[in-house]
Amino acid sequence: MNTRVLVAYASKYGATGEIAEKIGHVLRDGGLSVDVLSVQQVDGLTAYQAVVLGSAVYVGQWRDEAVKFLETNEYVLADLPVWLFSSGPTGEGDPVTLMKGWHFPSAQQAIADHIKPRDMALFHGFLNTKELNFVERMLIKGIGSPTGDFRDWDAITTWAQGIAEALHVEDKHSHPTR
């Protein structure tokens, strides 16, 4: 398989980066060539045949650097298979339910509609109060957000396996003699 995949992410404290690394590991196990990079490290998309892009979510918004990446690369991404993920809600239960139906930032929805991602996932996040500054700790305390690591590694693995399977099917269709 010749498919090279970029897993790009924006993470404030590293939890979303760890999700991106897990996705990259699963894709590699699926026989794909994968680079896992923060969006600031990405120097063009010409080397990739597919992109997985994710961001930490704060107050229903992607990180600024992820938004900039999405805006800057909108037209290139529209020509590639793309998967988007967000990481953020903490607590028990379905992350979409915890976010009251939120899937993706409304401010970037028009770009997502243009790109037509194959899937958009929302994963639980990790809220470690030891990493937060004073203002963030007070905000979390004020709104009563659960703290701790709520990431569902099985859900992340299953989602990434689906990406690998989809790319294998596309590779077979584009190279039927293999």
N, C-alpha and C. Protein backbone atom coordinates (compact mmCIF):
# COMPACT_ATOMS: atom_id res chain seq x y z
N MET A 1 0.85 -1.18 0.00
CA MET A 1 0.00 0.00 0.00
C MET A 1 0.89 1.23 0.00
N ASN A 2 0.60 2.19 -0.87
CA ASN A 2 1.41 3.39 -1.00
C ASN A 2 0.81 4.60 -0.31
N THR A 3 -0.31 4.46 0.35
CA THR A 3 -0.98 5.59 0.94
C THR A 3 -0.19 6.15 2.12
N ARG A 4 0.09 7.44 2.06
CA ARG A 4 0.77 8.14 3.15
C ARG A 4 -0.24 9.07 3.80
N VAL A 5 -0.38 8.95 5.11
CA VAL A 5 -1.40 9.67 5.86
C VAL A 5 -0.75 10.65 6.83
N LEU A 6 -1.30 11.85 6.88
CA LEU A 6 -0.91 12.83 7.88
C LEU A 6 -1.96 12.83 8.99
N VAL A 7 -1.51 12.66 10.22
CA VAL A 7 -2.36 12.87 11.38
C VAL A 7 -1.84 14.15 12.03
N ALA A 8 -2.61 15.23 11.87
CA ALA A 8 -2.21 16.54 12.40
C ALA A 8 -3.15 16.90 13.55
N TYR A 9 -2.60 17.61 14.53
CA TYR A 9 -3.40 17.91 15.71
C TYR A 9 -2.98 19.24 16.33
N ALA A 10 -3.89 19.78 17.13
CA ALA A 10 -3.62 20.96 17.96
C ALA A 10 -4.01 20.58 19.39
N SER A 11 -3.06 20.73 20.30
CA SER A 11 -3.25 20.29 21.68
C SER A 11 -2.63 21.30 22.62
N LYS A 12 -3.37 21.69 23.65
CA LYS A 12 -2.83 22.66 24.59
C LYS A 12 -1.92 22.01 25.63
N TYR A 13 -2.37 20.90 26.21
CA TYR A 13 -1.61 20.26 27.27
C TYR A 13 -1.11 18.86 26.91
N GLY A 14 -1.37 18.42 25.67
CA GLY A 14 -0.81 17.14 25.23
C GLY A 14 -1.80 15.99 25.11
N ALA A 15 -2.98 16.09 25.70
CA ALA A 15 -3.92 14.97 25.66
C ALA A 15 -4.41 14.69 24.24
N THR A 16 -4.68 15.72 23.46
CA THR A 16 -5.12 15.53 22.08
C THR A 16 -3.96 15.00 21.24
N GLY A 17 -2.76 15.43 21.53
CA GLY A 17 -1.58 14.89 20.86
C GLY A 17 -1.44 13.40 21.11
N GLU A 18 -1.76 12.95 22.33
CA GLU A 18 -1.70 11.53 22.64
C GLU A 18 -2.77 10.76 21.86
N ILE A 19 -3.93 11.36 21.67
CA ILE A 19 -4.97 10.74 20.84
C ILE A 19 -4.46 10.62 19.41
N ALA A 20 -3.85 11.68 18.89
CA ALA A 20 -3.30 11.65 17.52
C ALA A 20 -2.24 10.56 17.39
N GLU A 21 -1.38 10.42 18.39
CA GLU A 21 -0.36 9.37 18.36
C GLU A 21 -1.00 7.99 18.33
N LYS A 22 -2.06 7.80 19.09
CA LYS A 22 -2.77 6.51 19.10
C LYS A 22 -3.36 6.24 17.72
N ILE A 23 -3.99 7.24 17.11
CA ILE A 23 -4.55 7.08 15.77
C ILE A 23 -3.43 6.71 14.79
N GLY A 24 -2.31 7.39 14.87
CA GLY A 24 -1.17 7.09 14.01
C GLY A 24 -0.68 5.67 14.18
N HIS A 25 -0.62 5.22 15.43
CA HIS A 25 -0.17 3.84 15.72
C HIS A 25 -1.12 2.83 15.10
N VAL A 26 -2.42 3.05 15.24
CA VAL A 26 -3.41 2.12 14.68
C VAL A 26 -3.32 2.11 13.15
N LEU A 27 -3.14 3.28 12.54
CA LEU A 27 -3.02 3.35 11.09
C LEU A 27 -1.76 2.63 10.61
N ARG A 28 -0.65 2.79 11.34
CA ARG A 28 0.58 2.07 10.99
C ARG A 28 0.38 0.56 11.10
N ASP A 29 -0.30 0.14 12.16
CA ASP A 29 -0.62 -1.30 12.32
C ASP A 29 -1.47 -1.79 11.16
N GLY A 30 -2.23 -0.88 10.56
CA GLY A 30 -3.06 -1.21 9.41
C GLY A 30 -2.32 -1.16 8.09
N GLY A 31 -1.00 -0.98 8.14
CA GLY A 31 -0.18 -1.04 6.93
C GLY A 31 -0.01 0.28 6.20
N LEU A 32 -0.35 1.38 6.86
CA LEU A 32 -0.22 2.69 6.22
C LEU A 32 1.07 3.38 6.66
N SER A 33 1.57 4.25 5.81
CA SER A 33 2.69 5.12 6.16
C SER A 33 2.10 6.37 6.79
N VAL A 34 2.54 6.71 7.99
CA VAL A 34 1.88 7.76 8.76
C VAL A 34 2.89 8.73 9.37
N ASP A 35 2.58 10.01 9.27
CA ASP A 35 3.30 11.05 10.02
C ASP A 35 2.31 11.65 11.01
N VAL A 36 2.70 11.75 12.28
CA VAL A 36 1.88 12.40 13.30
C VAL A 36 2.62 13.67 13.69
N LEU A 37 1.99 14.82 13.41
CA LEU A 37 2.62 16.12 13.64
C LEU A 37 1.63 17.11 14.21
N SER A 38 2.13 18.01 15.04
CA SER A 38 1.27 19.13 15.44
C SER A 38 1.05 19.99 14.20
N VAL A 39 -0.06 20.70 14.14
CA VAL A 39 -0.36 21.49 12.95
C VAL A 39 0.75 22.51 12.67
N GLN A 40 1.44 22.97 13.71
CA GLN A 40 2.53 23.93 13.51
C GLN A 40 3.74 23.30 12.84
N GLN A 41 3.87 21.98 12.91
CA GLN A 41 5.01 21.28 12.31
C GLN A 41 4.78 20.91 10.85
N VAL A 42 3.54 20.99 10.38
CA VAL A 42 3.21 20.56 9.02
C VAL A 42 3.72 21.57 8.02
N ASP A 43 4.50 21.07 7.04
CA ASP A 43 5.07 21.93 6.01
C ASP A 43 4.54 21.48 4.65
N GLY A 44 3.24 21.66 4.44
CA GLY A 44 2.62 21.29 3.18
C GLY A 44 1.98 19.93 3.21
N LEU A 45 1.06 19.71 2.26
CA LEU A 45 0.30 18.48 2.23
C LEU A 45 0.54 17.64 0.98
N THR A 46 1.44 18.07 0.11
CA THR A 46 1.62 17.39 -1.17
C THR A 46 2.10 15.95 -1.02
N ALA A 47 2.75 15.61 0.06
CA ALA A 47 3.27 14.25 0.25
C ALA A 47 2.21 13.27 0.74
N TYR A 48 0.99 13.76 1.03
CA TYR A 48 -0.01 12.91 1.67
C TYR A 48 -1.19 12.61 0.75
N GLN A 49 -1.71 11.39 0.91
CA GLN A 49 -2.90 10.98 0.16
C GLN A 49 -4.15 11.01 1.03
N ALA A 50 -4.00 11.27 2.33
CA ALA A 50 -5.13 11.37 3.25
C ALA A 50 -4.69 12.15 4.48
N VAL A 51 -5.66 12.79 5.13
CA VAL A 51 -5.37 13.60 6.32
C VAL A 51 -6.40 13.31 7.41
N VAL A 52 -5.88 13.13 8.62
CA VAL A 52 -6.71 13.09 9.83
C VAL A 52 -6.31 14.33 10.62
N LEU A 53 -7.30 15.16 10.93
CA LEU A 53 -7.02 16.43 11.62
C LEU A 53 -7.86 16.51 12.88
N GLY A 54 -7.21 16.85 13.98
CA GLY A 54 -7.94 16.95 15.24
C GLY A 54 -7.49 18.12 16.08
N SER A 55 -8.37 18.51 16.98
CA SER A 55 -8.06 19.61 17.88
C SER A 55 -8.70 19.39 19.23
N ALA A 56 -8.03 19.92 20.24
CA ALA A 56 -8.65 20.03 21.55
C ALA A 56 -9.77 21.06 21.43
N VAL A 57 -10.80 20.90 22.24
CA VAL A 57 -11.94 21.81 22.23
C VAL A 57 -12.01 22.51 23.57
N TYR A 58 -12.14 23.82 23.51
CA TYR A 58 -12.33 24.63 24.71
C TYR A 58 -13.52 25.55 24.45
N VAL A 59 -14.52 25.44 25.31
CA VAL A 59 -15.73 26.26 25.20
C VAL A 59 -16.31 26.16 23.78
N GLY A 60 -16.35 24.95 23.26
CA GLY A 60 -16.95 24.70 21.96
C GLY A 60 -16.15 25.18 20.76
N GLN A 61 -14.89 25.52 20.97
CA GLN A 61 -14.06 26.02 19.87
C GLN A 61 -12.80 25.17 19.73
N TRP A 62 -12.38 25.00 18.47
CA TRP A 62 -11.08 24.39 18.21
C TRP A 62 -9.99 25.38 18.58
N ARG A 63 -8.80 24.88 18.81
CA ARG A 63 -7.65 25.74 19.09
C ARG A 63 -7.36 26.60 17.86
N ASP A 64 -6.88 27.80 18.10
CA ASP A 64 -6.63 28.76 17.01
C ASP A 64 -5.72 28.19 15.93
N GLU A 65 -4.67 27.45 16.33
CA GLU A 65 -3.74 26.93 15.33
C GLU A 65 -4.40 25.87 14.45
N ALA A 66 -5.38 25.13 14.97
CA ALA A 66 -6.11 24.15 14.16
C ALA A 66 -7.03 24.86 13.18
N VAL A 67 -7.67 25.91 13.64
CA VAL A 67 -8.54 26.70 12.76
C VAL A 67 -7.72 27.31 11.62
N LYS A 68 -6.55 27.85 11.95
CA LYS A 68 -5.69 28.44 10.92
C LYS A 68 -5.27 27.38 9.91
N PHE A 69 -4.91 26.18 10.38
CA PHE A 69 -4.52 25.09 9.49
C PHE A 69 -5.68 24.73 8.56
N LEU A 70 -6.86 24.63 9.12
CA LEU A 70 -8.05 24.29 8.35
C LEU A 70 -8.31 25.35 7.28
N GLU A 71 -8.25 26.61 7.67
CA GLU A 71 -8.50 27.71 6.73
C GLU A 71 -7.42 27.78 5.64
N THR A 72 -6.18 27.65 6.04
CA THR A 72 -5.06 27.75 5.09
C THR A 72 -5.07 26.62 4.07
N ASN A 73 -5.48 25.43 4.49
CA ASN A 73 -5.41 24.24 3.64
C ASN A 73 -6.76 23.77 3.11
N GLU A 74 -7.78 24.60 3.23
CA GLU A 74 -9.14 24.20 2.86
C GLU A 74 -9.23 23.57 1.48
N TYR A 75 -8.65 24.21 0.47
CA TYR A 75 -8.81 23.74 -0.90
C TYR A 75 -8.02 22.46 -1.18
N VAL A 76 -6.86 22.31 -0.55
CA VAL A 76 -6.10 21.07 -0.70
C VAL A 76 -6.84 19.93 0.01
N LEU A 77 -7.35 20.21 1.20
CA LEU A 77 -8.07 19.19 1.96
C LEU A 77 -9.35 18.74 1.24
N ALA A 78 -9.96 19.65 0.50
CA ALA A 78 -11.18 19.30 -0.23
C ALA A 78 -10.93 18.25 -1.31
N ASP A 79 -9.68 18.10 -1.72
CA ASP A 79 -9.32 17.12 -2.75
C ASP A 79 -8.76 15.82 -2.17
N LEU A 80 -8.75 15.69 -0.85
CA LEU A 80 -8.19 14.50 -0.20
C LEU A 80 -9.24 13.82 0.68
N PRO A 81 -9.07 12.53 0.95
CA PRO A 81 -9.88 11.92 1.99
C PRO A 81 -9.46 12.52 3.34
N VAL A 82 -10.42 13.05 4.08
CA VAL A 82 -10.13 13.73 5.34
C VAL A 82 -11.06 13.21 6.43
N TRP A 83 -10.51 13.04 7.62
CA TRP A 83 -11.28 12.71 8.80
C TRP A 83 -10.96 13.77 9.84
N LEU A 84 -11.96 14.24 10.57
CA LEU A 84 -11.79 15.27 11.59
C LEU A 84 -12.19 14.71 12.96
N PHE A 85 -11.42 15.10 13.98
CA PHE A 85 -11.81 14.72 15.33
C PHE A 85 -11.58 15.87 16.29
N SER A 86 -12.39 15.87 17.33
CA SER A 86 -12.29 16.85 18.40
C SER A 86 -12.16 16.09 19.70
N SER A 87 -11.47 16.70 20.64
CA SER A 87 -11.25 16.09 21.95
C SER A 87 -11.55 17.11 23.02
N GLY A 88 -12.37 16.74 23.98
CA GLY A 88 -12.60 17.73 25.01
C GLY A 88 -13.52 17.37 26.14
N PRO A 89 -14.73 16.87 25.87
CA PRO A 89 -15.65 16.72 27.00
C PRO A 89 -15.12 15.73 28.03
N THR A 90 -15.37 16.05 29.27
CA THR A 90 -15.00 15.16 30.36
C THR A 90 -16.27 14.72 31.07
N GLY A 91 -16.19 13.58 31.69
CA GLY A 91 -17.35 13.04 32.40
C GLY A 91 -17.75 11.71 31.80
N GLU A 92 -18.69 11.08 32.44
CA GLU A 92 -19.17 9.77 32.00
C GLU A 92 -20.26 9.94 30.97
N GLY A 93 -20.34 8.98 30.04
CA GLY A 93 -21.42 9.00 29.06
C GLY A 93 -20.95 9.40 27.68
N ASP A 94 -21.89 9.47 26.76
CA ASP A 94 -21.60 9.81 25.37
C ASP A 94 -21.08 11.25 25.28
N PRO A 95 -19.92 11.46 24.62
CA PRO A 95 -19.38 12.82 24.54
C PRO A 95 -20.30 13.80 23.82
N VAL A 96 -21.03 13.35 22.80
CA VAL A 96 -21.94 14.25 22.08
C VAL A 96 -23.09 14.68 23.00
N THR A 97 -23.58 13.76 23.81
CA THR A 97 -24.62 14.09 24.78
C THR A 97 -24.08 15.09 25.80
N LEU A 98 -22.86 14.86 26.27
CA LEU A 98 -22.25 15.78 27.24
C LEU A 98 -22.10 17.18 26.65
N MET A 99 -21.89 17.24 25.33
CA MET A 99 -21.72 18.54 24.65
C MET A 99 -23.04 19.04 24.07
N LYS A 100 -24.15 18.46 24.53
CA LYS A 100 -25.50 18.89 24.12
C LYS A 100 -25.66 18.90 22.59
N GLY A 101 -25.16 17.83 21.95
CA GLY A 101 -25.32 17.68 20.51
C GLY A 101 -24.21 18.29 19.67
N TRP A 102 -23.27 18.98 20.30
CA TRP A 102 -22.17 19.62 19.57
C TRP A 102 -21.28 18.56 18.95
N HIS A 103 -20.93 18.75 17.66
CA HIS A 103 -20.00 17.85 16.98
C HIS A 103 -18.75 18.55 16.50
N PHE A 104 -18.90 19.82 16.10
CA PHE A 104 -17.83 20.54 15.43
C PHE A 104 -18.11 22.03 15.58
N PRO A 105 -17.07 22.88 15.66
CA PRO A 105 -17.31 24.31 15.84
C PRO A 105 -18.13 24.92 14.69
N SER A 106 -19.20 25.60 15.04
CA SER A 106 -20.07 26.19 14.02
C SER A 106 -19.31 27.23 13.17
N ALA A 107 -18.32 27.89 13.75
CA ALA A 107 -17.56 28.91 13.01
C ALA A 107 -16.78 28.30 11.85
N GLN A 108 -16.45 27.02 11.92
CA GLN A 108 -15.70 26.35 10.85
C GLN A 108 -16.56 25.36 10.06
N GLN A 109 -17.87 25.34 10.32
CA GLN A 109 -18.73 24.37 9.66
C GLN A 109 -18.75 24.55 8.14
N ALA A 110 -18.71 25.78 7.65
CA ALA A 110 -18.72 26.00 6.20
C ALA A 110 -17.48 25.39 5.54
N ILE A 111 -16.34 25.49 6.21
CA ILE A 111 -15.11 24.88 5.68
C ILE A 111 -15.26 23.37 5.68
N ALA A 112 -15.77 22.82 6.78
CA ALA A 112 -15.96 21.37 6.85
C ALA A 112 -16.93 20.91 5.75
N ASP A 113 -17.98 21.69 5.51
CA ASP A 113 -18.93 21.33 4.45
C ASP A 113 -18.25 21.31 3.09
N HIS A 114 -17.30 22.22 2.86
CA HIS A 114 -16.57 22.25 1.60
C HIS A 114 -15.62 21.06 1.49
N ILE A 115 -14.93 20.75 2.57
CA ILE A 115 -13.96 19.65 2.59
C ILE A 115 -14.66 18.29 2.47
N LYS A 116 -15.85 18.20 3.03
CA LYS A 116 -16.61 16.95 3.05
C LYS A 116 -15.83 15.81 3.71
N PRO A 117 -15.54 15.94 5.00
CA PRO A 117 -14.80 14.88 5.68
C PRO A 117 -15.56 13.56 5.63
N ARG A 118 -14.80 12.47 5.61
CA ARG A 118 -15.41 11.13 5.60
C ARG A 118 -16.14 10.87 6.91
N ASP A 119 -15.60 11.44 7.99
CA ASP A 119 -16.24 11.29 9.30
C ASP A 119 -15.72 12.39 10.21
N MET A 120 -16.55 12.72 11.20
CA MET A 120 -16.17 13.69 12.22
C MET A 120 -16.47 13.04 13.57
N ALA A 121 -15.44 12.89 14.40
CA ALA A 121 -15.60 12.22 15.69
C ALA A 121 -15.38 13.21 16.83
N LEU A 122 -16.07 12.96 17.91
CA LEU A 122 -15.87 13.71 19.15
C LEU A 122 -15.49 12.71 20.22
N PHE A 123 -14.28 12.88 20.76
CA PHE A 123 -13.77 11.98 21.78
C PHE A 123 -13.73 12.68 23.14
N HIS A 124 -13.88 11.87 24.17
CA HIS A 124 -13.69 12.38 25.53
C HIS A 124 -12.28 12.93 25.68
N GLY A 125 -12.11 13.84 26.60
CA GLY A 125 -10.81 14.45 26.84
C GLY A 125 -10.23 14.11 28.19
N PHE A 126 -9.19 14.85 28.52
CA PHE A 126 -8.45 14.68 29.77
C PHE A 126 -8.28 16.06 30.38
N LEU A 127 -8.80 16.25 31.57
CA LEU A 127 -8.69 17.52 32.25
C LEU A 127 -7.89 17.31 33.52
N ASN A 128 -6.63 17.76 33.50
CA ASN A 128 -5.71 17.61 34.62
C ASN A 128 -5.55 18.97 35.27
N THR A 129 -6.13 19.16 36.43
CA THR A 129 -6.10 20.48 37.08
C THR A 129 -4.68 20.92 37.43
N LYS A 130 -3.75 19.99 37.56
CA LYS A 130 -2.36 20.37 37.88
C LYS A 130 -1.71 21.16 36.74
N GLU A 131 -2.22 20.96 35.50
CA GLU A 131 -1.65 21.66 34.35
C GLU A 131 -2.31 23.02 34.10
N LEU A 132 -3.45 23.25 34.72
CA LEU A 132 -4.22 24.46 34.45
C LEU A 132 -3.65 25.66 35.21
N ASN A 133 -3.80 26.85 34.60
CA ASN A 133 -3.43 28.05 35.33
C ASN A 133 -4.56 28.42 36.29
N PHE A 134 -4.34 29.43 37.11
CA PHE A 134 -5.30 29.81 38.14
C PHE A 134 -6.68 30.13 37.55
N VAL A 135 -6.71 30.92 36.50
CA VAL A 135 -7.98 31.32 35.88
C VAL A 135 -8.72 30.09 35.34
N GLU A 136 -7.99 29.19 34.69
CA GLU A 136 -8.61 27.98 34.16
C GLU A 136 -9.17 27.10 35.28
N ARG A 137 -8.41 26.98 36.38
CA ARG A 137 -8.90 26.19 37.52
C ARG A 137 -10.18 26.78 38.10
N MET A 138 -10.22 28.10 38.20
CA MET A 138 -11.42 28.76 38.74
C MET A 138 -12.62 28.57 37.80
N LEU A 139 -12.37 28.65 36.50
CA LEU A 139 -13.44 28.45 35.52
C LEU A 139 -13.98 27.02 35.61
N ILE A 140 -13.09 26.05 35.67
CA ILE A 140 -13.49 24.64 35.77
C ILE A 140 -14.28 24.41 37.05
N LYS A 141 -13.80 24.98 38.14
CA LYS A 141 -14.50 24.83 39.42
C LYS A 141 -15.88 25.47 39.34
N GLY A 142 -15.95 26.65 38.71
CA GLY A 142 -17.21 27.39 38.61
C GLY A 142 -18.27 26.67 37.80
N ILE A 143 -17.86 26.01 36.72
CA ILE A 143 -18.85 25.32 35.88
C ILE A 143 -19.00 23.85 36.28
N GLY A 144 -18.16 23.40 37.18
CA GLY A 144 -18.30 22.04 37.71
C GLY A 144 -17.91 20.94 36.74
N SER A 145 -16.96 21.22 35.86
CA SER A 145 -16.52 20.18 34.91
C SER A 145 -15.80 19.06 35.65
N PRO A 146 -16.13 17.81 35.31
CA PRO A 146 -15.40 16.69 35.91
C PRO A 146 -13.93 16.73 35.48
N THR A 147 -13.05 16.39 36.39
CA THR A 147 -11.64 16.35 36.06
C THR A 147 -11.16 14.91 36.00
N GLY A 148 -10.07 14.70 35.27
CA GLY A 148 -9.50 13.37 35.12
C GLY A 148 -9.39 13.00 33.66
N ASP A 149 -8.96 11.76 33.43
CA ASP A 149 -8.76 11.26 32.07
C ASP A 149 -9.97 10.43 31.68
N PHE A 150 -10.76 10.94 30.75
CA PHE A 150 -11.97 10.27 30.30
C PHE A 150 -11.84 9.73 28.87
N ARG A 151 -10.61 9.78 28.32
CA ARG A 151 -10.43 9.33 26.94
C ARG A 151 -10.79 7.85 26.81
N ASP A 152 -11.53 7.52 25.76
CA ASP A 152 -11.98 6.16 25.50
C ASP A 152 -11.09 5.58 24.41
N TRP A 153 -10.04 4.89 24.83
CA TRP A 153 -9.04 4.39 23.89
C TRP A 153 -9.62 3.34 22.95
N ASP A 154 -10.62 2.59 23.40
CA ASP A 154 -11.26 1.62 22.52
C ASP A 154 -12.01 2.32 21.40
N ALA A 155 -12.73 3.38 21.73
CA ALA A 155 -13.47 4.14 20.70
C ALA A 155 -12.50 4.79 19.71
N ILE A 156 -11.40 5.30 20.21
CA ILE A 156 -10.38 5.93 19.34
C ILE A 156 -9.78 4.87 18.42
N THR A 157 -9.44 3.72 18.97
CA THR A 157 -8.86 2.62 18.17
C THR A 157 -9.83 2.16 17.10
N THR A 158 -11.08 1.95 17.46
CA THR A 158 -12.09 1.50 16.50
C THR A 158 -12.26 2.51 15.38
N TRP A 159 -12.29 3.80 15.72
CA TRP A 159 -12.44 4.85 14.71
C TRP A 159 -11.25 4.83 13.75
N ALA A 160 -10.04 4.73 14.30
CA ALA A 160 -8.84 4.71 13.47
C ALA A 160 -8.79 3.45 12.59
N GLN A 161 -9.23 2.32 13.11
CA GLN A 161 -9.28 1.10 12.30
C GLN A 161 -10.22 1.28 11.11
N GLY A 162 -11.31 1.99 11.32
CA GLY A 162 -12.24 2.28 10.23
C GLY A 162 -11.58 3.13 9.15
N ILE A 163 -10.73 4.06 9.56
CA ILE A 163 -10.00 4.89 8.59
C ILE A 163 -9.05 4.00 7.77
N ALA A 164 -8.31 3.14 8.45
CA ALA A 164 -7.38 2.25 7.75
C ALA A 164 -8.12 1.37 6.76
N GLU A 165 -9.24 0.81 7.17
CA GLU A 165 -10.03 -0.05 6.28
C GLU A 165 -10.52 0.73 5.06
N ALA A 166 -11.01 1.94 5.27
CA ALA A 166 -11.51 2.76 4.16
C ALA A 166 -10.38 3.07 3.17
N LEU A 167 -9.20 3.37 3.68
CA LEU A 167 -8.08 3.69 2.79
C LEU A 167 -7.60 2.45 2.04
N HIS A 168 -7.66 1.29 2.67
CA HIS A 168 -7.30 0.05 1.97
C HIS A 168 -8.27 -0.23 0.82
N VAL A 169 -9.55 -0.01 1.05
CA VAL A 169 -10.55 -0.22 0.01
C VAL A 169 -10.30 0.74 -1.16
N GLU A 170 -10.01 2.01 -0.84
CA GLU A 170 -9.73 2.99 -1.89
C GLU A 170 -8.48 2.64 -2.66
N ASP A 171 -7.45 2.14 -1.96
CA ASP A 171 -6.21 1.76 -2.63
C ASP A 171 -6.46 0.59 -3.59
N LYS A 172 -7.28 -0.37 -3.18
CA LYS A 172 -7.59 -1.51 -4.05
C LYS A 172 -8.32 -1.05 -5.30
N HIS A 173 -9.23 -0.07 -5.14
CA HIS A 173 -9.98 0.44 -6.30
C HIS A 173 -9.10 1.24 -7.24
N SER A 174 -8.10 1.92 -6.70
CA SER A 174 -7.23 2.73 -7.56
C SER A 174 -6.09 1.91 -8.16
N HIS A 175 -5.83 0.71 -7.61
CA HIS A 175 -4.80 -0.19 -8.12
C HIS A 175 -5.38 -1.61 -8.19
N PRO A 176 -6.34 -1.86 -9.09
CA PRO A 176 -7.05 -3.14 -9.08
C PRO A 176 -6.20 -4.36 -9.41
N THR A 177 -5.02 -4.20 -9.96
CA THR A 177 -4.20 -5.37 -10.31
C THR A 177 -3.43 -5.91 -9.12
N ARG A 178 -3.47 -5.24 -8.01
CA ARG A 178 -2.73 -5.71 -6.83
C ARG A 178 -3.42 -6.85 -6.17
